[in-house]
Amino acid sequence: MGKKEDVIQEVFDKCVKDNEYIFNNDLVKKVCLKHGFKNPFDLTKIDNSKKLPKFLKDEDFFIVHLGKGFHRFVKGVDIGLHKFEDIPAERYFPWKYRKSILNEYDTSESNILSVVTNQRIIHDFLYNDIVANPRVYLSRRTQIDMEYYIDKIPIKAYNQQMEIDLTYEYNSNVTVFEGKNNFPNDFAVFQLFNPNYYFNIQKKTNNLPINEITCCYVLRKKFRGTSLVRIYLYKFLDYKQMNSIKLIKNAQYELIVR
């Protein structure tokens, strides 16, 4: 990682020395300037273990955002980064379709989610019904104050910003989506935890008649001129506990052009 890892190392060492694991953007910018790292806002964006410096893996720490320019090193990499579960062979499905002009046109996250929506793949996966008609809510940015736990550690975050890639509502059930290219080994749990927390708070605050809130991670990888799509459905057993994530089901679809 070069300069980026050097910056994170120095910030972490200072936190250890001061016995204070919360740090802010002012410190990040100062250390970035020292090492010649030009993008301080990218420093704490770690959405899978490949982007996590080796020394942090060895020390068993990951980074969470606290809002208002503050961040924290937290013990427990296995809590902050969740490994994608193996998909059993019986959950591999061929999916025949007619390729449209814009289908698989690019590799953006929005395109991935558009493909699984337009081709009714997600309807098959979530509802076992390709003619199901869920209400679809497109990408949005929002923010919220959060109070939750990472194992036994209480976390408070203020004006926590998040982007929700896509939301479905069907039969009073809400599913939030995250989409990514390629097949990483794991993902940062906050990507699903934060939107899940947000909708749970909305449910409580506004008395919304939501039955269940689930989280869906969609991965797409180019394969033999078409695409493989892997989908994972999760639920947080306790919306205030990050390590309460549980897999409900997963599947892989191979898109086959007719």
C-alpha atoms as a PDB file:
ATOM      1  CA  MET A   1       0.000   0.000   0.000  1.00  0.00           C
ATOM      2  CA  GLY A   2       3.006   2.280   0.264  1.00  0.00           C
ATOM      3  CA  LYS A   3       2.298   5.794   1.486  1.00  0.00           C
ATOM      4  CA  LYS A   4      -1.277   5.013   2.496  1.00  0.00           C
ATOM      5  CA  GLU A   5      -0.155   2.210   4.799  1.00  0.00           C
ATOM      6  CA  ASP A   6       2.606   4.416   6.205  1.00  0.00           C
ATOM      7  CA  VAL A   7       0.061   7.084   7.113  1.00  0.00           C
ATOM      8  CA  ILE A   8      -2.308   4.602   8.764  1.00  0.00           C
ATOM      9  CA  GLN A   9       0.639   3.070  10.638  1.00  0.00           C
ATOM     10  CA  GLU A  10       1.693   6.445  12.064  1.00  0.00           C
ATOM     11  CA  VAL A  11      -1.858   7.370  13.057  1.00  0.00           C
ATOM     12  CA  PHE A  12      -2.334   3.968  14.695  1.00  0.00           C
ATOM     13  CA  ASP A  13       0.994   4.181  16.552  1.00  0.00           C
ATOM     14  CA  LYS A  14       0.015   7.575  17.951  1.00  0.00           C
ATOM     15  CA  CYS A  15      -3.343   6.208  19.115  1.00  0.00           C
ATOM     16  CA  VAL A  16      -1.614   3.281  20.849  1.00  0.00           C
ATOM     17  CA  LYS A  17       0.908   5.596  22.495  1.00  0.00           C
ATOM     18  CA  ASP A  18      -1.853   7.935  23.742  1.00  0.00           C
ATOM     19  CA  ASN A  19      -4.138   5.003  24.648  1.00  0.00           C
ATOM     20  CA  GLU A  20      -6.855   6.790  22.711  1.00  0.00           C
ATOM     21  CA  TYR A  21      -8.149   4.993  19.638  1.00  0.00           C
ATOM     22  CA  ILE A  22     -10.362   7.816  18.361  1.00  0.00           C
ATOM     23  CA  PHE A  23      -8.723  10.139  15.818  1.00  0.00           C
ATOM     24  CA  ASN A  24      -9.907  12.896  13.489  1.00  0.00           C
ATOM     25  CA  ASN A  25      -9.359  14.244  10.002  1.00  0.00           C
ATOM     26  CA  ASP A  26      -7.046  16.987  11.241  1.00  0.00           C
ATOM     27  CA  LEU A  27      -4.535  14.366  12.372  1.00  0.00           C
ATOM     28  CA  VAL A  28      -5.034  12.409   9.146  1.00  0.00           C
ATOM     29  CA  LYS A  29      -4.346  15.475   6.983  1.00  0.00           C
ATOM     30  CA  LYS A  30      -1.254  16.353   9.013  1.00  0.00           C
ATOM     31  CA  VAL A  31       0.239  12.864   8.667  1.00  0.00           C
ATOM     32  CA  CYS A  32      -0.761  12.651   4.980  1.00  0.00           C
ATOM     33  CA  LEU A  33       1.116  15.893   4.311  1.00  0.00           C
ATOM     34  CA  LYS A  34       4.184  14.502   6.065  1.00  0.00           C
ATOM     35  CA  HIS A  35       4.210  11.356   3.898  1.00  0.00           C
ATOM     36  CA  GLY A  36       3.114  13.026   0.665  1.00  0.00           C
ATOM     37  CA  PHE A  37      -0.167  11.114   0.486  1.00  0.00           C
ATOM     38  CA  LYS A  38      -2.483  13.340  -1.544  1.00  0.00           C
ATOM     39  CA  ASN A  39      -5.932  11.911  -0.782  1.00  0.00           C
ATOM     40  CA  PRO A  40      -6.624  12.007   2.981  1.00  0.00           C
ATOM     41  CA  PHE A  41     -10.330  11.324   2.464  1.00  0.00           C
ATOM     42  CA  ASP A  42      -9.496   7.948   0.909  1.00  0.00           C
ATOM     43  CA  LEU A  43      -7.422   6.860   3.891  1.00  0.00           C
ATOM     44  CA  THR A  44     -10.214   5.387   6.000  1.00  0.00           C
ATOM     45  CA  LYS A  45     -12.256   3.942   3.115  1.00  0.00           C
ATOM     46  CA  ILE A  46     -11.637   0.236   3.596  1.00  0.00           C
ATOM     47  CA  ASP A  47     -14.443  -1.952   2.248  1.00  0.00           C
ATOM     48  CA  ASN A  48     -12.654  -5.316   2.192  1.00  0.00           C
ATOM     49  CA  SER A  49      -9.603  -6.979   3.742  1.00  0.00           C
ATOM     50  CA  LYS A  50      -7.406  -6.390   0.677  1.00  0.00           C
ATOM     51  CA  LYS A  51      -7.515  -2.690   1.496  1.00  0.00           C
ATOM     52  CA  LEU A  52      -6.716  -3.260   5.158  1.00  0.00           C
ATOM     53  CA  PRO A  53      -2.987  -2.838   5.916  1.00  0.00           C
ATOM     54  CA  LYS A  54      -1.254  -6.051   6.986  1.00  0.00           C
ATOM     55  CA  PHE A  55      -0.095  -4.577  10.277  1.00  0.00           C
ATOM     56  CA  LEU A  56      -3.726  -3.819  11.212  1.00  0.00           C
ATOM     57  CA  LYS A  57      -4.700  -7.394  10.368  1.00  0.00           C
ATOM     58  CA  ASP A  58      -1.856  -8.627  12.567  1.00  0.00           C
ATOM     59  CA  GLU A  59      -2.946  -6.315  15.389  1.00  0.00           C
ATOM     60  CA  ASP A  60      -6.584  -7.342  14.783  1.00  0.00           C
ATOM     61  CA  PHE A  61      -7.937  -3.813  14.311  1.00  0.00           C
ATOM     62  CA  PHE A  62     -10.217  -2.212  11.753  1.00  0.00           C
ATOM     63  CA  ILE A  63     -11.547   1.330  11.327  1.00  0.00           C
ATOM     64  CA  VAL A  64     -15.077   2.633  11.918  1.00  0.00           C
ATOM     65  CA  HIS A  65     -16.410   6.097  11.101  1.00  0.00           C
ATOM     66  CA  LEU A  66     -17.880   8.188  13.905  1.00  0.00           C
ATOM     67  CA  GLY A  67     -19.098  11.120  11.817  1.00  0.00           C
ATOM     68  CA  LYS A  68     -18.101  14.794  11.934  1.00  0.00           C
ATOM     69  CA  GLY A  69     -14.599  13.882  10.756  1.00  0.00           C
ATOM     70  CA  PHE A  70     -13.859  11.383  13.535  1.00  0.00           C
ATOM     71  CA  HIS A  71     -12.869   7.721  13.243  1.00  0.00           C
ATOM     72  CA  ARG A  72     -11.862   4.908  15.572  1.00  0.00           C
ATOM     73  CA  PHE A  73      -9.641   1.842  15.543  1.00  0.00           C
ATOM     74  CA  VAL A  74     -11.652  -1.109  16.904  1.00  0.00           C
ATOM     75  CA  LYS A  75     -10.455  -4.547  17.921  1.00  0.00           C
ATOM     76  CA  GLY A  76     -11.932  -7.472  16.031  1.00  0.00           C
ATOM     77  CA  VAL A  77     -11.282  -7.703  12.289  1.00  0.00           C
ATOM     78  CA  ASP A  78     -13.651 -10.676  11.987  1.00  0.00           C
ATOM     79  CA  ILE A  79     -16.468  -8.469  13.264  1.00  0.00           C
ATOM     80  CA  GLY A  80     -15.742  -5.492  11.009  1.00  0.00           C
ATOM     81  CA  LEU A  81     -15.035  -7.574   7.891  1.00  0.00           C
ATOM     82  CA  HIS A  82     -17.375 -10.461   7.104  1.00  0.00           C
ATOM     83  CA  LYS A  83     -16.264 -13.316   4.861  1.00  0.00           C
ATOM     84  CA  PHE A  84     -18.644 -14.222   2.056  1.00  0.00           C
ATOM     85  CA  GLU A  85     -19.977 -17.707   2.709  1.00  0.00           C
ATOM     86  CA  ASP A  86     -19.441 -20.536   0.223  1.00  0.00           C
ATOM     87  CA  ILE A  87     -22.339 -21.103  -2.159  1.00  0.00           C
ATOM     88  CA  PRO A  88     -23.393 -24.774  -2.337  1.00  0.00           C
ATOM     89  CA  ALA A  89     -23.433 -26.367  -5.786  1.00  0.00           C
ATOM     90  CA  GLU A  90     -27.193 -26.852  -5.696  1.00  0.00           C
ATOM     91  CA  ARG A  91     -27.559 -23.066  -5.468  1.00  0.00           C
ATOM     92  CA  TYR A  92     -25.846 -22.490  -8.857  1.00  0.00           C
ATOM     93  CA  PHE A  93     -28.439 -21.511 -11.476  1.00  0.00           C
ATOM     94  CA  PRO A  94     -28.225 -20.809 -15.235  1.00  0.00           C
ATOM     95  CA  TRP A  95     -30.281 -17.756 -16.188  1.00  0.00           C
ATOM     96  CA  LYS A  96     -31.292 -17.382 -19.835  1.00  0.00           C
ATOM     97  CA  TYR A  97     -32.132 -13.911 -21.043  1.00  0.00           C
ATOM     98  CA  ARG A  98     -32.172 -11.555 -24.023  1.00  0.00           C
ATOM     99  CA  LYS A  99     -29.347  -9.069 -23.701  1.00  0.00           C
ATOM    100  CA  SER A 100     -30.488  -5.476 -24.105  1.00  0.00           C
ATOM    101  CA  ILE A 101     -28.416  -2.524 -25.351  1.00  0.00           C
ATOM    102  CA  LEU A 102     -27.496  -1.242 -21.890  1.00  0.00           C
ATOM    103  CA  ASN A 103     -27.571  -4.548 -20.042  1.00  0.00           C
ATOM    104  CA  GLU A 104     -24.008  -5.221 -18.807  1.00  0.00           C
ATOM    105  CA  TYR A 105     -23.011  -2.017 -20.654  1.00  0.00           C
ATOM    106  CA  ASP A 106     -20.634  -0.991 -17.887  1.00  0.00           C
ATOM    107  CA  THR A 107     -19.298  -2.272 -14.579  1.00  0.00           C
ATOM    108  CA  SER A 108     -20.747   0.348 -12.266  1.00  0.00           C
ATOM    109  CA  GLU A 109     -22.535  -0.691  -9.098  1.00  0.00           C
ATOM    110  CA  SER A 110     -25.766   0.815 -10.397  1.00  0.00           C
ATOM    111  CA  ASN A 111     -25.492  -1.321 -13.543  1.00  0.00           C
ATOM    112  CA  ILE A 112     -25.061  -4.479 -11.479  1.00  0.00           C
ATOM    113  CA  LEU A 113     -28.215  -3.747  -9.512  1.00  0.00           C
ATOM    114  CA  SER A 114     -30.090  -2.707 -12.655  1.00  0.00           C
ATOM    115  CA  VAL A 115     -29.223  -6.020 -14.334  1.00  0.00           C
ATOM    116  CA  VAL A 116     -30.483  -8.203 -11.481  1.00  0.00           C
ATOM    117  CA  THR A 117     -33.626  -6.071 -11.291  1.00  0.00           C
ATOM    118  CA  ASN A 118     -34.417  -5.836 -15.017  1.00  0.00           C
ATOM    119  CA  GLN A 119     -33.723  -9.530 -15.613  1.00  0.00           C
ATOM    120  CA  ARG A 120     -35.890 -10.498 -12.613  1.00  0.00           C
ATOM    121  CA  ILE A 121     -32.994 -12.373 -11.031  1.00  0.00           C
ATOM    122  CA  ILE A 122     -33.480 -10.672  -7.692  1.00  0.00           C
ATOM    123  CA  HIS A 123     -37.200 -11.445  -7.790  1.00  0.00           C
ATOM    124  CA  ASP A 124     -36.385 -15.123  -8.189  1.00  0.00           C
ATOM    125  CA  PHE A 125     -33.802 -15.001  -5.416  1.00  0.00           C
ATOM    126  CA  LEU A 126     -35.772 -13.000  -2.848  1.00  0.00           C
ATOM    127  CA  TYR A 127     -39.353 -14.042  -3.529  1.00  0.00           C
ATOM    128  CA  ASN A 128     -39.158 -17.227  -5.650  1.00  0.00           C
ATOM    129  CA  ASP A 129     -41.511 -15.358  -7.958  1.00  0.00           C
ATOM    130  CA  ILE A 130     -40.274 -13.602 -11.115  1.00  0.00           C
ATOM    131  CA  VAL A 131     -43.587 -11.725 -11.494  1.00  0.00           C
ATOM    132  CA  ALA A 132     -43.434 -10.275  -7.991  1.00  0.00           C
ATOM    133  CA  ASN A 133     -43.806  -6.498  -8.107  1.00  0.00           C
ATOM    134  CA  PRO A 134     -41.818  -4.887  -5.261  1.00  0.00           C
ATOM    135  CA  ARG A 135     -41.636  -1.128  -4.891  1.00  0.00           C
ATOM    136  CA  VAL A 136     -38.153   0.025  -5.903  1.00  0.00           C
ATOM    137  CA  TYR A 137     -36.353   2.992  -4.338  1.00  0.00           C
ATOM    138  CA  LEU A 138     -33.190   4.134  -6.092  1.00  0.00           C
ATOM    139  CA  SER A 139     -29.843   5.147  -4.642  1.00  0.00           C
ATOM    140  CA  ARG A 140     -29.896   7.802  -1.945  1.00  0.00           C
ATOM    141  CA  ARG A 141     -27.553   9.461   0.511  1.00  0.00           C
ATOM    142  CA  THR A 142     -28.644  10.124   4.062  1.00  0.00           C
ATOM    143  CA  GLN A 143     -27.234  10.593   7.534  1.00  0.00           C
ATOM    144  CA  ILE A 144     -28.232   9.661  11.063  1.00  0.00           C
ATOM    145  CA  ASP A 145     -26.942   9.650  14.621  1.00  0.00           C
ATOM    146  CA  MET A 146     -26.094   6.098  15.677  1.00  0.00           C
ATOM    147  CA  GLU A 147     -25.598   4.333  19.006  1.00  0.00           C
ATOM    148  CA  TYR A 148     -24.631   0.691  18.703  1.00  0.00           C
ATOM    149  CA  TYR A 149     -22.180  -1.997  19.796  1.00  0.00           C
ATOM    150  CA  ILE A 150     -19.264  -3.777  18.225  1.00  0.00           C
ATOM    151  CA  ASP A 151     -19.203  -6.834  20.459  1.00  0.00           C
ATOM    152  CA  LYS A 152     -18.966  -5.206  23.925  1.00  0.00           C
ATOM    153  CA  ILE A 153     -17.672  -1.833  22.719  1.00  0.00           C
ATOM    154  CA  PRO A 154     -20.266   0.976  22.665  1.00  0.00           C
ATOM    155  CA  ILE A 155     -20.049   3.193  19.590  1.00  0.00           C
ATOM    156  CA  LYS A 156     -21.583   6.627  19.128  1.00  0.00           C
ATOM    157  CA  ALA A 157     -21.593   8.216  15.685  1.00  0.00           C
ATOM    158  CA  TYR A 158     -23.024  11.622  14.832  1.00  0.00           C
ATOM    159  CA  ASN A 159     -24.392  12.669  11.459  1.00  0.00           C
ATOM    160  CA  GLN A 160     -23.152   9.363  10.123  1.00  0.00           C
ATOM    161  CA  GLN A 161     -23.299   9.588   6.339  1.00  0.00           C
ATOM    162  CA  MET A 162     -24.259   6.575   4.267  1.00  0.00           C
ATOM    163  CA  GLU A 163     -25.232   5.707   0.734  1.00  0.00           C
ATOM    164  CA  ILE A 164     -27.967   3.156   0.205  1.00  0.00           C
ATOM    165  CA  ASP A 165     -27.503   1.696  -3.284  1.00  0.00           C
ATOM    166  CA  LEU A 166     -31.056   0.384  -3.686  1.00  0.00           C
ATOM    167  CA  THR A 167     -34.096  -0.484  -1.555  1.00  0.00           C
ATOM    168  CA  TYR A 168     -36.980  -2.875  -2.186  1.00  0.00           C
ATOM    169  CA  GLU A 169     -40.279  -2.959  -0.319  1.00  0.00           C
ATOM    170  CA  TYR A 170     -42.567  -5.957  -0.779  1.00  0.00           C
ATOM    171  CA  ASN A 171     -45.368  -7.276   1.415  1.00  0.00           C
ATOM    172  CA  SER A 172     -44.229  -4.966   4.244  1.00  0.00           C
ATOM    173  CA  ASN A 173     -40.683  -6.344   4.070  1.00  0.00           C
ATOM    174  CA  VAL A 174     -37.755  -4.016   3.323  1.00  0.00           C
ATOM    175  CA  THR A 175     -34.491  -5.122   1.706  1.00  0.00           C
ATOM    176  CA  VAL A 176     -31.476  -2.820   1.305  1.00  0.00           C
ATOM    177  CA  PHE A 177     -28.824  -3.538  -1.328  1.00  0.00           C
ATOM    178  CA  GLU A 178     -25.093  -3.151  -1.803  1.00  0.00           C
ATOM    179  CA  GLY A 179     -23.548  -3.915  -5.191  1.00  0.00           C
ATOM    180  CA  LYS A 180     -19.910  -4.562  -6.117  1.00  0.00           C
ATOM    181  CA  ASN A 181     -17.838  -5.742  -9.048  1.00  0.00           C
ATOM    182  CA  ASN A 182     -15.717  -8.902  -8.884  1.00  0.00           C
ATOM    183  CA  PHE A 183     -15.760 -11.515  -6.151  1.00  0.00           C
ATOM    184  CA  PRO A 184     -13.925 -10.194  -3.074  1.00  0.00           C
ATOM    185  CA  ASN A 185     -13.413 -12.592  -0.181  1.00  0.00           C
ATOM    186  CA  ASP A 186     -15.174 -10.357   2.321  1.00  0.00           C
ATOM    187  CA  PHE A 187     -16.826  -6.993   2.901  1.00  0.00           C
ATOM    188  CA  ALA A 188     -16.957  -4.233   5.487  1.00  0.00           C
ATOM    189  CA  VAL A 189     -20.011  -4.965   7.624  1.00  0.00           C
ATOM    190  CA  PHE A 190     -20.880  -1.279   7.998  1.00  0.00           C
ATOM    191  CA  GLN A 191     -21.954  -1.277   4.336  1.00  0.00           C
ATOM    192  CA  LEU A 192     -25.027  -3.294   5.353  1.00  0.00           C
ATOM    193  CA  PHE A 193     -25.178  -2.507   9.067  1.00  0.00           C
ATOM    194  CA  ASN A 194     -25.618   1.252   8.658  1.00  0.00           C
ATOM    195  CA  PRO A 195     -28.599   1.113   6.222  1.00  0.00           C
ATOM    196  CA  ASN A 196     -30.129  -1.654   8.355  1.00  0.00           C
ATOM    197  CA  TYR A 197     -29.774   0.542  11.450  1.00  0.00           C
ATOM    198  CA  TYR A 198     -31.248   3.510   9.568  1.00  0.00           C
ATOM    199  CA  PHE A 199     -34.427   1.689   8.578  1.00  0.00           C
ATOM    200  CA  ASN A 200     -34.852   0.177  12.036  1.00  0.00           C
ATOM    201  CA  ILE A 201     -34.725   3.671  13.524  1.00  0.00           C
ATOM    202  CA  GLN A 202     -37.217   4.916  10.917  1.00  0.00           C
ATOM    203  CA  LYS A 203     -39.495   2.017  11.792  1.00  0.00           C
ATOM    204  CA  LYS A 204     -39.393   2.840  15.507  1.00  0.00           C
ATOM    205  CA  THR A 205     -39.513   6.621  15.199  1.00  0.00           C
ATOM    206  CA  ASN A 206     -42.267   6.799  12.597  1.00  0.00           C
ATOM    207  CA  ASN A 207     -44.202   3.646  13.578  1.00  0.00           C
ATOM    208  CA  LEU A 208     -43.712   2.188  10.117  1.00  0.00           C
ATOM    209  CA  PRO A 209     -45.498  -1.171   9.684  1.00  0.00           C
ATOM    210  CA  ILE A 210     -42.377  -2.997   8.503  1.00  0.00           C
ATOM    211  CA  ASN A 211     -42.351  -6.737   9.166  1.00  0.00           C
ATOM    212  CA  GLU A 212     -38.693  -7.477   8.470  1.00  0.00           C
ATOM    213  CA  ILE A 213     -35.562  -5.647   7.325  1.00  0.00           C
ATOM    214  CA  THR A 214     -32.961  -7.635   5.421  1.00  0.00           C
ATOM    215  CA  CYS A 215     -29.746  -6.789   3.578  1.00  0.00           C
ATOM    216  CA  CYS A 216     -28.715  -8.059   0.161  1.00  0.00           C
ATOM    217  CA  TYR A 217     -25.169  -8.030  -1.212  1.00  0.00           C
ATOM    218  CA  VAL A 218     -24.882  -8.443  -4.993  1.00  0.00           C
ATOM    219  CA  LEU A 219     -21.583  -9.274  -6.726  1.00  0.00           C
ATOM    220  CA  ARG A 220     -20.999  -9.447 -10.485  1.00  0.00           C
ATOM    221  CA  LYS A 221     -17.977 -10.730 -12.397  1.00  0.00           C
ATOM    222  CA  LYS A 222     -17.446 -10.939 -16.140  1.00  0.00           C
ATOM    223  CA  PHE A 223     -17.184 -14.553 -17.283  1.00  0.00           C
ATOM    224  CA  ARG A 224     -16.822 -15.980 -20.817  1.00  0.00           C
ATOM    225  CA  GLY A 225     -18.305 -12.865 -22.395  1.00  0.00           C
ATOM    226  CA  THR A 226     -21.233 -12.712 -19.998  1.00  0.00           C
ATOM    227  CA  SER A 227     -21.614 -12.402 -16.225  1.00  0.00           C
ATOM    228  CA  LEU A 228     -21.700 -14.445 -13.058  1.00  0.00           C
ATOM    229  CA  VAL A 229     -23.822 -12.939 -10.304  1.00  0.00           C
ATOM    230  CA  ARG A 230     -23.558 -13.925  -6.661  1.00  0.00           C
ATOM    231  CA  ILE A 231     -26.224 -12.818  -4.201  1.00  0.00           C
ATOM    232  CA  TYR A 232     -26.132 -13.015  -0.408  1.00  0.00           C
ATOM    233  CA  LEU A 233     -29.085 -12.237   1.860  1.00  0.00           C
ATOM    234  CA  TYR A 234     -28.326 -11.264   5.464  1.00  0.00           C
ATOM    235  CA  LYS A 235     -30.199 -10.260   8.577  1.00  0.00           C
ATOM    236  CA  PHE A 236     -28.952  -8.570  11.743  1.00  0.00           C
ATOM    237  CA  LEU A 237     -30.451 -10.372  14.720  1.00  0.00           C
ATOM    238  CA  ASP A 238     -29.893  -7.217  16.785  1.00  0.00           C
ATOM    239  CA  TYR A 239     -29.881  -3.979  14.804  1.00  0.00           C
ATOM    240  CA  LYS A 240     -27.701  -2.347  17.474  1.00  0.00           C
ATOM    241  CA  GLN A 241     -25.039  -5.086  17.427  1.00  0.00           C
ATOM    242  CA  MET A 242     -22.652  -5.211  14.481  1.00  0.00           C
ATOM    243  CA  ASN A 243     -21.581  -8.802  15.117  1.00  0.00           C
ATOM    244  CA  SER A 244     -25.146 -10.124  14.968  1.00  0.00           C
ATOM    245  CA  ILE A 245     -25.079 -10.537  11.169  1.00  0.00           C
ATOM    246  CA  LYS A 246     -26.487 -13.864   9.933  1.00  0.00           C
ATOM    247  CA  LEU A 247     -26.686 -15.345   6.444  1.00  0.00           C
ATOM    248  CA  ILE A 248     -30.209 -16.281   5.374  1.00  0.00           C
ATOM    249  CA  LYS A 249     -29.369 -17.683   1.933  1.00  0.00           C
ATOM    250  CA  ASN A 250     -27.087 -17.215  -1.073  1.00  0.00           C
ATOM    251  CA  ALA A 251     -26.972 -18.221  -4.732  1.00  0.00           C
ATOM    252  CA  GLN A 252     -25.012 -17.835  -7.961  1.00  0.00           C
ATOM    253  CA  TYR A 253     -26.592 -17.078 -11.352  1.00  0.00           C
ATOM    254  CA  GLU A 254     -24.815 -17.470 -14.676  1.00  0.00           C
ATOM    255  CA  LEU A 255     -26.293 -15.155 -17.298  1.00  0.00           C
ATOM    256  CA  ILE A 256     -26.704 -17.004 -20.574  1.00  0.00           C
ATOM    257  CA  VAL A 257     -27.684 -15.031 -23.675  1.00  0.00           C
ATOM    258  CA  ARG A 258     -30.412 -16.671 -25.699  1.00  0.00           C
END
